[in-house]
């Protein structure tokens, strides 16, 4: 879903966006910037449960090896590696409403702000 990347761009504030040094706001540029910023996201909680070291390593490798596809889309999950990286990097508290089911991703430190996302089987905003 390219809507995933649009939703992320919409939530990045000017300081956060500037940290990526993106010249053109395209999905590919954001993906590459996130890959450059990729680190192991230790201390992240998904729905209140701390991610394991193995999950942090899997997220790191998943982002590292992520390949853009032809439509710039992305099938997200409730504990998406890109969302976890953004939570870690910017100290976001993400509330993801997936068809009425609330999922949260939070940093292991005090968070800077709440980021709300709404998703269905085919769209995220």
C-alpha atoms as a PDB file:
ATOM      1  CA  UNK A   1       0.000   0.000   0.000  1.00  0.00           C
ATOM      2  CA  UNK A   2       1.539   3.298  -0.996  1.00  0.00           C
ATOM      3  CA  UNK A   3      -0.960   4.757   1.466  1.00  0.00           C
ATOM      4  CA  UNK A   4       1.349   3.451   4.225  1.00  0.00           C
ATOM      5  CA  UNK A   5       4.154   5.736   3.062  1.00  0.00           C
ATOM      6  CA  UNK A   6       1.782   8.693   2.611  1.00  0.00           C
ATOM      7  CA  UNK A   7       0.474   8.136   6.152  1.00  0.00           C
ATOM      8  CA  UNK A   8       4.033   8.158   7.525  1.00  0.00           C
ATOM      9  CA  UNK A   9       4.978  11.320   5.606  1.00  0.00           C
ATOM     10  CA  UNK A  10       1.833  13.000   6.918  1.00  0.00           C
ATOM     11  CA  UNK A  11       2.843  12.279  10.519  1.00  0.00           C
ATOM     12  CA  UNK A  12       6.494  13.301  10.322  1.00  0.00           C
ATOM     13  CA  UNK A  13       6.996  16.799  11.669  1.00  0.00           C
ATOM     14  CA  UNK A  14       9.479  19.199  10.047  1.00  0.00           C
ATOM     15  CA  UNK A  15      12.339  18.282  12.378  1.00  0.00           C
ATOM     16  CA  UNK A  16      11.793  14.543  11.910  1.00  0.00           C
ATOM     17  CA  UNK A  17      11.536  14.881   8.151  1.00  0.00           C
ATOM     18  CA  UNK A  18      14.676  17.031   8.019  1.00  0.00           C
ATOM     19  CA  UNK A  19      16.620  14.340   9.878  1.00  0.00           C
ATOM     20  CA  UNK A  20      16.164  12.064   6.861  1.00  0.00           C
ATOM     21  CA  UNK A  21      17.505  14.651   4.373  1.00  0.00           C
ATOM     22  CA  UNK A  22      14.875  13.672   1.794  1.00  0.00           C
ATOM     23  CA  UNK A  23      14.942  15.755  -1.378  1.00  0.00           C
ATOM     24  CA  UNK A  24      11.639  14.497  -2.840  1.00  0.00           C
ATOM     25  CA  UNK A  25       8.855  13.036  -0.740  1.00  0.00           C
ATOM     26  CA  UNK A  26       8.407   9.704  -2.501  1.00  0.00           C
ATOM     27  CA  UNK A  27       7.915   6.269  -0.977  1.00  0.00           C
ATOM     28  CA  UNK A  28      11.257   5.080  -2.361  1.00  0.00           C
ATOM     29  CA  UNK A  29      13.134   7.999  -0.779  1.00  0.00           C
ATOM     30  CA  UNK A  30      11.511   7.321   2.603  1.00  0.00           C
ATOM     31  CA  UNK A  31      12.284   3.592   2.403  1.00  0.00           C
ATOM     32  CA  UNK A  32      15.930   4.273   1.597  1.00  0.00           C
ATOM     33  CA  UNK A  33      16.172   6.850   4.389  1.00  0.00           C
ATOM     34  CA  UNK A  34      14.715   4.393   6.877  1.00  0.00           C
ATOM     35  CA  UNK A  35      17.152   1.742   5.694  1.00  0.00           C
ATOM     36  CA  UNK A  36      20.056   4.134   6.273  1.00  0.00           C
ATOM     37  CA  UNK A  37      18.707   4.899   9.764  1.00  0.00           C
ATOM     38  CA  UNK A  38      18.088   1.218  10.524  1.00  0.00           C
ATOM     39  CA  UNK A  39      19.199   0.005  13.958  1.00  0.00           C
ATOM     40  CA  UNK A  40      18.113  -2.729  16.354  1.00  0.00           C
ATOM     41  CA  UNK A  41      15.070  -1.351  18.144  1.00  0.00           C
ATOM     42  CA  UNK A  42      15.628  -2.667  21.649  1.00  0.00           C
ATOM     43  CA  UNK A  43      13.164  -1.660  24.348  1.00  0.00           C
ATOM     44  CA  UNK A  44      10.122  -1.344  22.077  1.00  0.00           C
ATOM     45  CA  UNK A  45       6.793  -2.596  23.401  1.00  0.00           C
ATOM     46  CA  UNK A  46       3.979  -3.941  21.232  1.00  0.00           C
ATOM     47  CA  UNK A  47       0.606  -3.967  22.992  1.00  0.00           C
ATOM     48  CA  UNK A  48       2.447  -3.547  26.297  1.00  0.00           C
ATOM     49  CA  UNK A  49       4.773  -6.517  25.772  1.00  0.00           C
ATOM     50  CA  UNK A  50       8.518  -5.957  25.346  1.00  0.00           C
ATOM     51  CA  UNK A  51       9.874  -7.203  22.022  1.00  0.00           C
ATOM     52  CA  UNK A  52      12.498  -9.915  22.374  1.00  0.00           C
ATOM     53  CA  UNK A  53      16.093  -9.586  21.193  1.00  0.00           C
ATOM     54  CA  UNK A  54      15.220 -12.054  18.430  1.00  0.00           C
ATOM     55  CA  UNK A  55      12.311  -9.879  17.262  1.00  0.00           C
ATOM     56  CA  UNK A  56      14.537  -6.766  17.305  1.00  0.00           C
ATOM     57  CA  UNK A  57      17.123  -8.621  15.215  1.00  0.00           C
ATOM     58  CA  UNK A  58      14.447  -9.884  12.790  1.00  0.00           C
ATOM     59  CA  UNK A  59      13.083  -6.339  12.387  1.00  0.00           C
ATOM     60  CA  UNK A  60      16.596  -5.021  11.725  1.00  0.00           C
ATOM     61  CA  UNK A  61      17.286  -7.661   9.065  1.00  0.00           C
ATOM     62  CA  UNK A  62      13.827  -7.255   7.531  1.00  0.00           C
ATOM     63  CA  UNK A  63      14.369  -3.505   6.992  1.00  0.00           C
ATOM     64  CA  UNK A  64      17.933  -4.044   5.808  1.00  0.00           C
ATOM     65  CA  UNK A  65      16.807  -6.574   3.181  1.00  0.00           C
ATOM     66  CA  UNK A  66      13.537  -4.834   2.245  1.00  0.00           C
ATOM     67  CA  UNK A  67      13.161  -4.366  -1.499  1.00  0.00           C
ATOM     68  CA  UNK A  68      10.913  -1.725  -2.954  1.00  0.00           C
ATOM     69  CA  UNK A  69       8.225  -3.123  -5.191  1.00  0.00           C
ATOM     70  CA  UNK A  70       6.777  -1.747  -8.406  1.00  0.00           C
ATOM     71  CA  UNK A  71       3.823   0.100  -6.913  1.00  0.00           C
ATOM     72  CA  UNK A  72       5.733   1.592  -3.955  1.00  0.00           C
ATOM     73  CA  UNK A  73       3.315  -0.306  -1.730  1.00  0.00           C
ATOM     74  CA  UNK A  74       3.818  -1.912   1.636  1.00  0.00           C
ATOM     75  CA  UNK A  75       1.736  -4.525   3.415  1.00  0.00           C
ATOM     76  CA  UNK A  76       1.942  -3.398   7.030  1.00  0.00           C
ATOM     77  CA  UNK A  77       1.390  -5.368  10.212  1.00  0.00           C
ATOM     78  CA  UNK A  78       0.368  -4.331  13.711  1.00  0.00           C
ATOM     79  CA  UNK A  79       4.020  -4.645  14.806  1.00  0.00           C
ATOM     80  CA  UNK A  80       5.551  -3.413  11.577  1.00  0.00           C
ATOM     81  CA  UNK A  81       9.365  -3.128  11.554  1.00  0.00           C
ATOM     82  CA  UNK A  82       9.220   0.328   9.934  1.00  0.00           C
ATOM     83  CA  UNK A  83       6.774   1.562  12.579  1.00  0.00           C
ATOM     84  CA  UNK A  84       8.984   0.124  15.331  1.00  0.00           C
ATOM     85  CA  UNK A  85      11.992   1.944  13.867  1.00  0.00           C
ATOM     86  CA  UNK A  86      10.074   5.241  13.771  1.00  0.00           C
ATOM     87  CA  UNK A  87       8.916   4.707  17.364  1.00  0.00           C
ATOM     88  CA  UNK A  88      12.503   4.047  18.424  1.00  0.00           C
ATOM     89  CA  UNK A  89      14.027   6.933  16.459  1.00  0.00           C
ATOM     90  CA  UNK A  90      11.450   9.623  17.313  1.00  0.00           C
ATOM     91  CA  UNK A  91      10.042   8.279  20.603  1.00  0.00           C
ATOM     92  CA  UNK A  92       6.546   8.035  19.148  1.00  0.00           C
ATOM     93  CA  UNK A  93       3.687   6.248  20.883  1.00  0.00           C
ATOM     94  CA  UNK A  94       1.808   4.691  17.946  1.00  0.00           C
ATOM     95  CA  UNK A  95      -1.866   3.835  18.266  1.00  0.00           C
ATOM     96  CA  UNK A  96      -2.899   1.684  15.314  1.00  0.00           C
ATOM     97  CA  UNK A  97      -6.620   1.074  15.004  1.00  0.00           C
ATOM     98  CA  UNK A  98      -6.937  -1.973  12.763  1.00  0.00           C
ATOM     99  CA  UNK A  99     -10.610  -2.509  11.924  1.00  0.00           C
ATOM    100  CA  UNK A 100     -11.635  -1.596  15.463  1.00  0.00           C
ATOM    101  CA  UNK A 101      -8.799  -3.448  17.209  1.00  0.00           C
ATOM    102  CA  UNK A 102      -6.390  -1.090  18.960  1.00  0.00           C
ATOM    103  CA  UNK A 103      -2.691  -1.956  18.759  1.00  0.00           C
ATOM    104  CA  UNK A 104       0.081   0.070  20.337  1.00  0.00           C
ATOM    105  CA  UNK A 105       3.811   0.398  19.736  1.00  0.00           C
ATOM    106  CA  UNK A 106       5.740   2.401  22.308  1.00  0.00           C
ATOM    107  CA  UNK A 107       9.353   3.215  23.085  1.00  0.00           C
ATOM    108  CA  UNK A 108      11.016   1.968  26.232  1.00  0.00           C
ATOM    109  CA  UNK A 109      11.522   5.584  27.329  1.00  0.00           C
ATOM    110  CA  UNK A 110       9.099   8.483  27.815  1.00  0.00           C
ATOM    111  CA  UNK A 111       7.496   9.195  24.457  1.00  0.00           C
ATOM    112  CA  UNK A 112       7.491  12.515  22.636  1.00  0.00           C
ATOM    113  CA  UNK A 113       4.006  12.360  21.133  1.00  0.00           C
ATOM    114  CA  UNK A 114       1.126  10.112  20.114  1.00  0.00           C
ATOM    115  CA  UNK A 115       0.794   9.123  16.458  1.00  0.00           C
ATOM    116  CA  UNK A 116      -2.616   7.759  15.472  1.00  0.00           C
ATOM    117  CA  UNK A 117      -3.088   5.475  12.473  1.00  0.00           C
ATOM    118  CA  UNK A 118      -6.191   3.769  11.148  1.00  0.00           C
ATOM    119  CA  UNK A 119      -6.018   0.656   9.016  1.00  0.00           C
ATOM    120  CA  UNK A 120      -8.200  -1.864   7.251  1.00  0.00           C
ATOM    121  CA  UNK A 121      -7.291  -4.877   5.124  1.00  0.00           C
ATOM    122  CA  UNK A 122      -6.564  -2.606   2.147  1.00  0.00           C
ATOM    123  CA  UNK A 123      -5.839   0.893   3.436  1.00  0.00           C
ATOM    124  CA  UNK A 124      -3.989   2.829   6.141  1.00  0.00           C
ATOM    125  CA  UNK A 125      -4.297   6.497   6.967  1.00  0.00           C
END
